[in-house]
Amino acid sequence: MDSNSKQNLKQINESIEKTLALIHQLTLTVSNYDDAMQMSLFQRINGLVAELDNMVKLAENCNIEVPMEVVNLIDDGKNPDLFTRHVINNCITKNQITKGKTDAFKDFRKHLFEELEQNFPDEIETFRESRAASAATQSVDPNGDATLNEKH
């Protein structure tokens, strides 16, 4: 996030805090209202409207996408952290499933080589030699991708 976006976000946060304070003041004014407080009430309403207008202007310069699930949770009066918890739990579950599949393939590969070595020892030795020769002409990137080394 660049400094201009950070500044916009900071201004929006300040505007939200100011709006909440204005709403609190307006609530206090309304709860203790009498005719003598009419002008104060109008000033507080006008201040709130002005701050909401300011917030809308600030928001036009800020590009933040909020998932609809989060908005729906807030509308339902629930904590939006439930969405984050749900996403993380789904990631953990999918990670465990993927790890299980990876471990199963590793076990299968190990078992397959053991069986092949018992039944076809010469072919397995030839395979290992060709694999070692192939590895000598390849390099492995940090992400695990093998690339061929070209010899000139």
C-alpha atoms as a PDB file:
ATOM      1  CA  MET A   1       0.000   0.000   0.000  1.00  0.00           C
ATOM      2  CA  ASP A   2       1.524   3.326  -1.027  1.00  0.00           C
ATOM      3  CA  SER A   3       1.748   6.346   1.294  1.00  0.00           C
ATOM      4  CA  ASN A   4      -1.134   8.145  -0.454  1.00  0.00           C
ATOM      5  CA  SER A   5      -3.445   5.169   0.153  1.00  0.00           C
ATOM      6  CA  LYS A   6      -2.282   4.966   3.764  1.00  0.00           C
ATOM      7  CA  GLN A   7      -3.028   8.663   4.217  1.00  0.00           C
ATOM      8  CA  ASN A   8      -6.499   8.249   2.685  1.00  0.00           C
ATOM      9  CA  LEU A   9      -7.198   5.290   4.955  1.00  0.00           C
ATOM     10  CA  LYS A  10      -5.985   7.263   7.979  1.00  0.00           C
ATOM     11  CA  GLN A  11      -8.281  10.165   7.072  1.00  0.00           C
ATOM     12  CA  ILE A  12     -11.231   7.795   6.661  1.00  0.00           C
ATOM     13  CA  ASN A  13     -10.522   6.209  10.056  1.00  0.00           C
ATOM     14  CA  GLU A  14     -10.380   9.653  11.649  1.00  0.00           C
ATOM     15  CA  SER A  15     -13.645  10.583   9.943  1.00  0.00           C
ATOM     16  CA  ILE A  16     -15.294   7.404  11.230  1.00  0.00           C
ATOM     17  CA  GLU A  17     -14.112   8.152  14.770  1.00  0.00           C
ATOM     18  CA  LYS A  18     -15.363  11.726  14.495  1.00  0.00           C
ATOM     19  CA  THR A  19     -18.717  10.497  13.151  1.00  0.00           C
ATOM     20  CA  LEU A  20     -19.081   8.070  16.053  1.00  0.00           C
ATOM     21  CA  ALA A  21     -18.326  10.871  18.504  1.00  0.00           C
ATOM     22  CA  LEU A  22     -20.893  13.102  16.796  1.00  0.00           C
ATOM     23  CA  ILE A  23     -23.497  10.337  16.957  1.00  0.00           C
ATOM     24  CA  HIS A  24     -22.761   9.902  20.669  1.00  0.00           C
ATOM     25  CA  GLN A  25     -23.164  13.664  21.256  1.00  0.00           C
ATOM     26  CA  LEU A  26     -26.375  13.658  19.226  1.00  0.00           C
ATOM     27  CA  THR A  27     -27.699  10.742  21.281  1.00  0.00           C
ATOM     28  CA  LEU A  28     -27.004  12.622  24.509  1.00  0.00           C
ATOM     29  CA  THR A  29     -28.686  15.754  23.141  1.00  0.00           C
ATOM     30  CA  VAL A  30     -31.774  13.841  22.031  1.00  0.00           C
ATOM     31  CA  SER A  31     -32.068  11.899  25.292  1.00  0.00           C
ATOM     32  CA  ASN A  32     -32.035  15.162  27.309  1.00  0.00           C
ATOM     33  CA  TYR A  33     -33.987  17.211  24.771  1.00  0.00           C
ATOM     34  CA  ASP A  34     -36.146  20.183  25.652  1.00  0.00           C
ATOM     35  CA  ASP A  35     -37.184  23.216  23.575  1.00  0.00           C
ATOM     36  CA  ALA A  36     -34.201  25.259  24.744  1.00  0.00           C
ATOM     37  CA  MET A  37     -31.833  22.714  23.145  1.00  0.00           C
ATOM     38  CA  GLN A  38     -33.350  22.987  19.676  1.00  0.00           C
ATOM     39  CA  MET A  39     -30.498  25.079  18.243  1.00  0.00           C
ATOM     40  CA  SER A  40     -27.892  22.719  19.749  1.00  0.00           C
ATOM     41  CA  LEU A  41     -29.746  19.750  18.256  1.00  0.00           C
ATOM     42  CA  PHE A  42     -29.756  21.357  14.785  1.00  0.00           C
ATOM     43  CA  GLN A  43     -26.029  22.144  15.058  1.00  0.00           C
ATOM     44  CA  ARG A  44     -25.223  18.567  16.004  1.00  0.00           C
ATOM     45  CA  ILE A  45     -27.358  17.179  13.158  1.00  0.00           C
ATOM     46  CA  ASN A  46     -25.708  19.562  10.685  1.00  0.00           C
ATOM     47  CA  GLY A  47     -22.265  18.577  12.015  1.00  0.00           C
ATOM     48  CA  LEU A  48     -23.109  14.899  11.565  1.00  0.00           C
ATOM     49  CA  VAL A  49     -24.370  15.461   8.014  1.00  0.00           C
ATOM     50  CA  ALA A  50     -21.236  17.452   7.148  1.00  0.00           C
ATOM     51  CA  GLU A  51     -18.967  14.722   8.532  1.00  0.00           C
ATOM     52  CA  LEU A  52     -20.881  12.002   6.671  1.00  0.00           C
ATOM     53  CA  ASP A  53     -20.496  14.062   3.484  1.00  0.00           C
ATOM     54  CA  ASN A  54     -16.762  14.366   4.203  1.00  0.00           C
ATOM     55  CA  MET A  55     -16.556  10.601   4.745  1.00  0.00           C
ATOM     56  CA  VAL A  56     -18.208   9.936   1.374  1.00  0.00           C
ATOM     57  CA  LYS A  57     -15.715  12.255  -0.362  1.00  0.00           C
ATOM     58  CA  LEU A  58     -12.784  10.555   1.347  1.00  0.00           C
ATOM     59  CA  ALA A  59     -14.129   7.110   0.471  1.00  0.00           C
ATOM     60  CA  GLU A  60     -14.127   7.984  -3.235  1.00  0.00           C
ATOM     61  CA  ASN A  61     -10.306   8.040  -3.118  1.00  0.00           C
ATOM     62  CA  CYS A  62     -10.052   4.735  -1.279  1.00  0.00           C
ATOM     63  CA  ASN A  63     -10.359   1.430  -3.090  1.00  0.00           C
ATOM     64  CA  ILE A  64     -11.094  -1.249  -0.496  1.00  0.00           C
ATOM     65  CA  GLU A  65     -13.065  -4.334  -1.401  1.00  0.00           C
ATOM     66  CA  VAL A  66     -15.044  -5.964   1.387  1.00  0.00           C
ATOM     67  CA  PRO A  67     -16.474  -9.444   0.737  1.00  0.00           C
ATOM     68  CA  MET A  68     -20.279  -9.521   0.750  1.00  0.00           C
ATOM     69  CA  GLU A  69     -20.136 -12.266   3.381  1.00  0.00           C
ATOM     70  CA  VAL A  70     -18.567  -9.756   5.794  1.00  0.00           C
ATOM     71  CA  VAL A  71     -21.234  -7.153   5.027  1.00  0.00           C
ATOM     72  CA  ASN A  72     -23.974  -9.760   5.532  1.00  0.00           C
ATOM     73  CA  LEU A  73     -22.481 -10.812   8.886  1.00  0.00           C
ATOM     74  CA  ILE A  74     -22.431  -7.189  10.015  1.00  0.00           C
ATOM     75  CA  ASP A  75     -26.023  -6.719   8.823  1.00  0.00           C
ATOM     76  CA  ASP A  76     -26.999  -9.786  10.854  1.00  0.00           C
ATOM     77  CA  GLY A  77     -25.359  -8.251  13.928  1.00  0.00           C
ATOM     78  CA  LYS A  78     -22.558 -10.812  13.982  1.00  0.00           C
ATOM     79  CA  ASN A  79     -18.836 -10.276  14.398  1.00  0.00           C
ATOM     80  CA  PRO A  80     -17.042  -9.952  11.034  1.00  0.00           C
ATOM     81  CA  ASP A  81     -14.148 -11.920  12.518  1.00  0.00           C
ATOM     82  CA  LEU A  82     -16.370 -14.980  11.988  1.00  0.00           C
ATOM     83  CA  PHE A  83     -15.694 -14.633   8.257  1.00  0.00           C
ATOM     84  CA  THR A  84     -11.936 -14.588   8.829  1.00  0.00           C
ATOM     85  CA  ARG A  85     -12.160 -17.580  11.151  1.00  0.00           C
ATOM     86  CA  HIS A  86     -14.259 -19.459   8.577  1.00  0.00           C
ATOM     87  CA  VAL A  87     -11.783 -18.727   5.752  1.00  0.00           C
ATOM     88  CA  ILE A  88      -8.808 -19.772   7.879  1.00  0.00           C
ATOM     89  CA  ASN A  89     -10.537 -22.978   9.006  1.00  0.00           C
ATOM     90  CA  ASN A  90     -11.327 -23.823   5.360  1.00  0.00           C
ATOM     91  CA  CYS A  91      -7.678 -23.223   4.424  1.00  0.00           C
ATOM     92  CA  ILE A  92      -6.482 -25.443   7.262  1.00  0.00           C
ATOM     93  CA  THR A  93      -8.904 -28.198   6.228  1.00  0.00           C
ATOM     94  CA  LYS A  94      -7.839 -28.030   2.567  1.00  0.00           C
ATOM     95  CA  ASN A  95      -4.181 -27.958   3.625  1.00  0.00           C
ATOM     96  CA  GLN A  96      -4.668 -31.092   5.729  1.00  0.00           C
ATOM     97  CA  ILE A  97      -6.408 -32.851   2.840  1.00  0.00           C
ATOM     98  CA  THR A  98      -3.603 -31.889   0.451  1.00  0.00           C
ATOM     99  CA  LYS A  99      -0.951 -32.979   2.962  1.00  0.00           C
ATOM    100  CA  GLY A 100      -2.743 -36.303   3.360  1.00  0.00           C
ATOM    101  CA  LYS A 101      -2.733 -36.835  -0.394  1.00  0.00           C
ATOM    102  CA  THR A 102       0.954 -35.891  -0.609  1.00  0.00           C
ATOM    103  CA  ASP A 103       1.844 -38.267   2.216  1.00  0.00           C
ATOM    104  CA  ALA A 104      -0.185 -41.040   0.567  1.00  0.00           C
ATOM    105  CA  PHE A 105       1.705 -40.554  -2.719  1.00  0.00           C
ATOM    106  CA  LYS A 106       5.043 -40.589  -0.869  1.00  0.00           C
ATOM    107  CA  ASP A 107       4.091 -43.837   0.880  1.00  0.00           C
ATOM    108  CA  PHE A 108       2.878 -45.322  -2.403  1.00  0.00           C
ATOM    109  CA  ARG A 109       6.105 -44.321  -4.179  1.00  0.00           C
ATOM    110  CA  LYS A 110       8.225 -45.846  -1.395  1.00  0.00           C
ATOM    111  CA  HIS A 111       6.195 -49.062  -1.407  1.00  0.00           C
ATOM    112  CA  LEU A 112       6.269 -49.236  -5.214  1.00  0.00           C
ATOM    113  CA  PHE A 113      10.072 -48.891  -5.298  1.00  0.00           C
ATOM    114  CA  GLU A 114      10.424 -51.566  -2.622  1.00  0.00           C
ATOM    115  CA  GLU A 115       8.280 -53.968  -4.633  1.00  0.00           C
ATOM    116  CA  LEU A 116       9.987 -53.114  -7.904  1.00  0.00           C
ATOM    117  CA  GLU A 117      13.410 -53.546  -6.319  1.00  0.00           C
ATOM    118  CA  GLN A 118      12.459 -57.022  -5.101  1.00  0.00           C
ATOM    119  CA  ASN A 119      11.001 -58.126  -8.442  1.00  0.00           C
ATOM    120  CA  PHE A 120      13.105 -56.181 -10.970  1.00  0.00           C
ATOM    121  CA  PRO A 121      16.466 -55.327  -9.359  1.00  0.00           C
ATOM    122  CA  ASP A 122      18.347 -54.835 -12.663  1.00  0.00           C
ATOM    123  CA  GLU A 123      15.732 -52.494 -14.108  1.00  0.00           C
ATOM    124  CA  ILE A 124      15.614 -50.434 -10.899  1.00  0.00           C
ATOM    125  CA  GLU A 125      19.407 -50.079 -10.967  1.00  0.00           C
ATOM    126  CA  THR A 126      19.236 -48.914 -14.592  1.00  0.00           C
ATOM    127  CA  PHE A 127      16.454 -46.486 -13.646  1.00  0.00           C
ATOM    128  CA  ARG A 128      18.507 -45.040 -10.772  1.00  0.00           C
ATOM    129  CA  GLU A 129      21.551 -44.601 -13.024  1.00  0.00           C
ATOM    130  CA  SER A 130      19.516 -42.816 -15.704  1.00  0.00           C
ATOM    131  CA  ARG A 131      17.880 -40.676 -13.044  1.00  0.00           C
ATOM    132  CA  ALA A 132      21.271 -39.682 -11.608  1.00  0.00           C
ATOM    133  CA  ALA A 133      22.503 -38.803 -15.112  1.00  0.00           C
ATOM    134  CA  SER A 134      19.352 -36.765 -15.722  1.00  0.00           C
ATOM    135  CA  ALA A 135      19.770 -34.943 -12.398  1.00  0.00           C
ATOM    136  CA  ALA A 136      23.280 -33.942 -13.420  1.00  0.00           C
ATOM    137  CA  THR A 137      21.893 -32.074 -16.458  1.00  0.00           C
ATOM    138  CA  GLN A 138      19.127 -30.350 -14.492  1.00  0.00           C
ATOM    139  CA  SER A 139      19.121 -27.686 -11.848  1.00  0.00           C
ATOM    140  CA  VAL A 140      16.363 -27.178  -9.337  1.00  0.00           C
ATOM    141  CA  ASP A 141      14.924 -23.716  -8.685  1.00  0.00           C
ATOM    142  CA  PRO A 142      14.124 -22.663  -5.102  1.00  0.00           C
ATOM    143  CA  ASN A 143      10.443 -23.363  -5.848  1.00  0.00           C
ATOM    144  CA  GLY A 144      11.241 -26.956  -6.827  1.00  0.00           C
ATOM    145  CA  ASP A 145      10.965 -26.577 -10.620  1.00  0.00           C
ATOM    146  CA  ALA A 146      13.595 -28.495 -12.571  1.00  0.00           C
ATOM    147  CA  THR A 147      15.238 -26.788 -15.523  1.00  0.00           C
ATOM    148  CA  LEU A 148      17.656 -28.258 -18.020  1.00  0.00           C
ATOM    149  CA  ASN A 149      21.257 -27.027 -17.971  1.00  0.00           C
ATOM    150  CA  GLU A 150      22.266 -26.406 -21.553  1.00  0.00           C
ATOM    151  CA  LYS A 151      25.804 -27.487 -22.359  1.00  0.00           C
ATOM    152  CA  HIS A 152      27.553 -25.552 -25.103  1.00  0.00           C
END
